[in-house]
Amino acid sequence: SYLIRESQSAHLITSLSGEYELHCTNPWEVIDIDQIEDYSFEIHSSVETVLDKCQTVVLTTPWEEYTDPAIYADHEVTVIDPWRVFSTEEIPSSVVYRPIAGNQSKDTRRRISPNE
């Protein structure tokens, strides 16, 4: 959302700041940084830089910069995706994919039966 009070990114920053090391991108400068300047986070110029620094990525927008599966290929990260922008088949094997809407059982982790 372009409204700071409704921005998923801003809400995550204000909710998680102080508990986690936060890294984000703001390519279209829609996060009103002045509204969240009291919180601890780093803004980077590229998704790749964020991926180098993170273990978990939350897709807060389905913009093209974030929806190319190839950018995740060399990173061992968990991708939390409320937009369901990927199909499980296109996600690199190094990524644990967690779509959080609809059928939440789809991810890329191997399921272990209780008998194993």
C-alpha atoms as a PDB file:
ATOM      1  CA  SER A   1       0.000   0.000   0.000  1.00  0.00           C
ATOM      2  CA  TYR A   2       1.154   3.548  -0.633  1.00  0.00           C
ATOM      3  CA  LEU A   3      -0.368   4.656   2.669  1.00  0.00           C
ATOM      4  CA  ILE A   4       2.107   4.383   5.536  1.00  0.00           C
ATOM      5  CA  ARG A   5      -0.560   3.356   8.021  1.00  0.00           C
ATOM      6  CA  GLU A   6      -1.479   0.410   5.807  1.00  0.00           C
ATOM      7  CA  SER A   7       1.986  -0.493   4.516  1.00  0.00           C
ATOM      8  CA  GLN A   8       2.890  -4.110   5.167  1.00  0.00           C
ATOM      9  CA  SER A   9       6.579  -3.253   5.088  1.00  0.00           C
ATOM     10  CA  ALA A  10       6.230  -0.467   7.619  1.00  0.00           C
ATOM     11  CA  HIS A  11       4.051  -2.625   9.847  1.00  0.00           C
ATOM     12  CA  LEU A  12       6.647  -5.419   9.811  1.00  0.00           C
ATOM     13  CA  ILE A  13       9.446  -2.979  10.572  1.00  0.00           C
ATOM     14  CA  THR A  14       7.618  -1.432  13.509  1.00  0.00           C
ATOM     15  CA  SER A  15       6.513  -4.838  14.813  1.00  0.00           C
ATOM     16  CA  LEU A  16       9.839  -6.665  14.531  1.00  0.00           C
ATOM     17  CA  SER A  17      12.378  -3.904  15.115  1.00  0.00           C
ATOM     18  CA  GLY A  18      14.433  -4.541  18.233  1.00  0.00           C
ATOM     19  CA  GLU A  19      13.794  -8.278  18.096  1.00  0.00           C
ATOM     20  CA  TYR A  20      15.447  -9.021  14.764  1.00  0.00           C
ATOM     21  CA  GLU A  21      18.043  -7.538  12.444  1.00  0.00           C
ATOM     22  CA  LEU A  22      15.901  -6.091   9.648  1.00  0.00           C
ATOM     23  CA  HIS A  23      16.943  -5.441   6.054  1.00  0.00           C
ATOM     24  CA  CYS A  24      14.672  -4.174   3.303  1.00  0.00           C
ATOM     25  CA  THR A  25      14.566  -2.597  -0.110  1.00  0.00           C
ATOM     26  CA  ASN A  26      12.490   0.403  -1.043  1.00  0.00           C
ATOM     27  CA  PRO A  27      12.915   0.600  -4.836  1.00  0.00           C
ATOM     28  CA  TRP A  28       9.965   2.844  -5.518  1.00  0.00           C
ATOM     29  CA  GLU A  29      10.428   4.796  -2.286  1.00  0.00           C
ATOM     30  CA  VAL A  30       6.908   4.085  -1.125  1.00  0.00           C
ATOM     31  CA  ILE A  31       7.911   3.449   2.483  1.00  0.00           C
ATOM     32  CA  ASP A  32       7.739   6.809   4.185  1.00  0.00           C
ATOM     33  CA  ILE A  33      11.001   6.521   6.089  1.00  0.00           C
ATOM     34  CA  ASP A  34      10.244   9.578   8.226  1.00  0.00           C
ATOM     35  CA  GLN A  35       7.254   7.740   9.688  1.00  0.00           C
ATOM     36  CA  ILE A  36       9.404   4.837  10.906  1.00  0.00           C
ATOM     37  CA  GLU A  37      12.759   6.520  11.535  1.00  0.00           C
ATOM     38  CA  ASP A  38      12.748   5.583  15.234  1.00  0.00           C
ATOM     39  CA  TYR A  39      12.967   1.906  14.350  1.00  0.00           C
ATOM     40  CA  SER A  40      16.098  -0.101  13.609  1.00  0.00           C
ATOM     41  CA  PHE A  41      16.421  -1.393  10.035  1.00  0.00           C
ATOM     42  CA  GLU A  42      18.689  -1.068   7.006  1.00  0.00           C
ATOM     43  CA  ILE A  43      17.550  -0.164   3.502  1.00  0.00           C
ATOM     44  CA  HIS A  44      19.511  -1.696   0.641  1.00  0.00           C
ATOM     45  CA  SER A  45      19.499  -0.908  -3.056  1.00  0.00           C
ATOM     46  CA  SER A  46      18.934  -4.464  -4.262  1.00  0.00           C
ATOM     47  CA  VAL A  47      17.086  -7.620  -3.387  1.00  0.00           C
ATOM     48  CA  GLU A  48      20.350  -9.552  -3.799  1.00  0.00           C
ATOM     49  CA  THR A  49      21.989  -7.522  -1.020  1.00  0.00           C
ATOM     50  CA  VAL A  50      19.077  -8.249   1.285  1.00  0.00           C
ATOM     51  CA  LEU A  51      19.275 -11.954   0.437  1.00  0.00           C
ATOM     52  CA  ASP A  52      22.986 -11.964   1.334  1.00  0.00           C
ATOM     53  CA  LYS A  53      22.129 -10.696   4.812  1.00  0.00           C
ATOM     54  CA  CYS A  54      18.926 -12.585   5.671  1.00  0.00           C
ATOM     55  CA  GLN A  55      17.697 -16.014   6.631  1.00  0.00           C
ATOM     56  CA  THR A  56      14.020 -15.189   6.095  1.00  0.00           C
ATOM     57  CA  VAL A  57      12.429 -12.978   3.457  1.00  0.00           C
ATOM     58  CA  VAL A  58       8.851 -11.719   3.613  1.00  0.00           C
ATOM     59  CA  LEU A  59       7.421 -10.615   0.273  1.00  0.00           C
ATOM     60  CA  THR A  60       5.329  -7.611   1.197  1.00  0.00           C
ATOM     61  CA  THR A  61       4.575  -6.713  -2.399  1.00  0.00           C
ATOM     62  CA  PRO A  62       4.335  -8.749  -5.611  1.00  0.00           C
ATOM     63  CA  TRP A  63       6.489  -6.337  -7.596  1.00  0.00           C
ATOM     64  CA  GLU A  64       8.672  -7.685 -10.381  1.00  0.00           C
ATOM     65  CA  GLU A  65      11.905  -7.037  -8.425  1.00  0.00           C
ATOM     66  CA  TYR A  66      10.946  -9.753  -5.945  1.00  0.00           C
ATOM     67  CA  THR A  67       9.181 -12.313  -8.111  1.00  0.00           C
ATOM     68  CA  ASP A  68      12.014 -13.660 -10.262  1.00  0.00           C
ATOM     69  CA  PRO A  69      12.864 -17.092  -8.804  1.00  0.00           C
ATOM     70  CA  ALA A  70      16.411 -16.858 -10.208  1.00  0.00           C
ATOM     71  CA  ILE A  71      17.427 -14.145  -7.714  1.00  0.00           C
ATOM     72  CA  TYR A  72      16.926 -16.618  -4.860  1.00  0.00           C
ATOM     73  CA  ALA A  73      18.983 -19.428  -6.442  1.00  0.00           C
ATOM     74  CA  ASP A  74      22.264 -18.869  -4.591  1.00  0.00           C
ATOM     75  CA  HIS A  75      20.688 -18.201  -1.200  1.00  0.00           C
ATOM     76  CA  GLU A  76      19.530 -20.508   1.559  1.00  0.00           C
ATOM     77  CA  VAL A  77      16.519 -18.573   2.792  1.00  0.00           C
ATOM     78  CA  THR A  78      12.945 -19.071   3.807  1.00  0.00           C
ATOM     79  CA  VAL A  79      10.577 -17.041   1.648  1.00  0.00           C
ATOM     80  CA  ILE A  80       7.261 -16.134   3.259  1.00  0.00           C
ATOM     81  CA  ASP A  81       4.873 -15.220   0.482  1.00  0.00           C
ATOM     82  CA  PRO A  82       1.368 -13.942   1.256  1.00  0.00           C
ATOM     83  CA  TRP A  83       0.920 -13.135  -2.445  1.00  0.00           C
ATOM     84  CA  ARG A  84       1.634 -16.693  -3.663  1.00  0.00           C
ATOM     85  CA  VAL A  85       3.676 -15.317  -6.568  1.00  0.00           C
ATOM     86  CA  PHE A  86       5.580 -18.566  -7.133  1.00  0.00           C
ATOM     87  CA  SER A  87       4.555 -22.072  -7.936  1.00  0.00           C
ATOM     88  CA  THR A  88       6.420 -24.608  -5.841  1.00  0.00           C
ATOM     89  CA  GLU A  89       8.090 -26.043  -8.951  1.00  0.00           C
ATOM     90  CA  GLU A  90       9.873 -22.806  -9.869  1.00  0.00           C
ATOM     91  CA  ILE A  91      11.481 -22.185  -6.465  1.00  0.00           C
ATOM     92  CA  PRO A  92      15.189 -23.122  -6.228  1.00  0.00           C
ATOM     93  CA  SER A  93      15.941 -26.095  -3.990  1.00  0.00           C
ATOM     94  CA  SER A  94      17.960 -23.888  -1.616  1.00  0.00           C
ATOM     95  CA  VAL A  95      14.784 -21.995  -0.684  1.00  0.00           C
ATOM     96  CA  VAL A  96      12.111 -23.030   1.782  1.00  0.00           C
ATOM     97  CA  TYR A  97       8.949 -21.571   0.312  1.00  0.00           C
ATOM     98  CA  ARG A  98       6.075 -20.710   2.654  1.00  0.00           C
ATOM     99  CA  PRO A  99       3.004 -19.343   0.904  1.00  0.00           C
ATOM    100  CA  ILE A 100       0.746 -18.225   3.736  1.00  0.00           C
ATOM    101  CA  ALA A 101      -2.574 -17.882   1.956  1.00  0.00           C
ATOM    102  CA  GLY A 102      -4.765 -20.634   0.665  1.00  0.00           C
ATOM    103  CA  ASN A 103      -3.266 -24.118   0.879  1.00  0.00           C
ATOM    104  CA  GLN A 104      -0.485 -23.625   3.402  1.00  0.00           C
ATOM    105  CA  SER A 105       0.788 -27.178   3.157  1.00  0.00           C
ATOM    106  CA  LYS A 106       2.708 -26.453  -0.050  1.00  0.00           C
ATOM    107  CA  ASP A 107       6.368 -25.759   0.539  1.00  0.00           C
ATOM    108  CA  THR A 108       9.687 -27.039  -0.744  1.00  0.00           C
ATOM    109  CA  ARG A 109      10.811 -28.878   2.366  1.00  0.00           C
ATOM    110  CA  ARG A 110      10.881 -32.646   2.347  1.00  0.00           C
ATOM    111  CA  ARG A 111       8.117 -33.981   4.545  1.00  0.00           C
ATOM    112  CA  ILE A 112       9.141 -36.629   7.041  1.00  0.00           C
ATOM    113  CA  SER A 113       6.546 -39.129   8.077  1.00  0.00           C
ATOM    114  CA  PRO A 114       6.169 -39.885  11.795  1.00  0.00           C
ATOM    115  CA  ASN A 115       7.440 -43.424  11.084  1.00  0.00           C
ATOM    116  CA  GLU A 116      10.876 -42.289   9.873  1.00  0.00           C
END
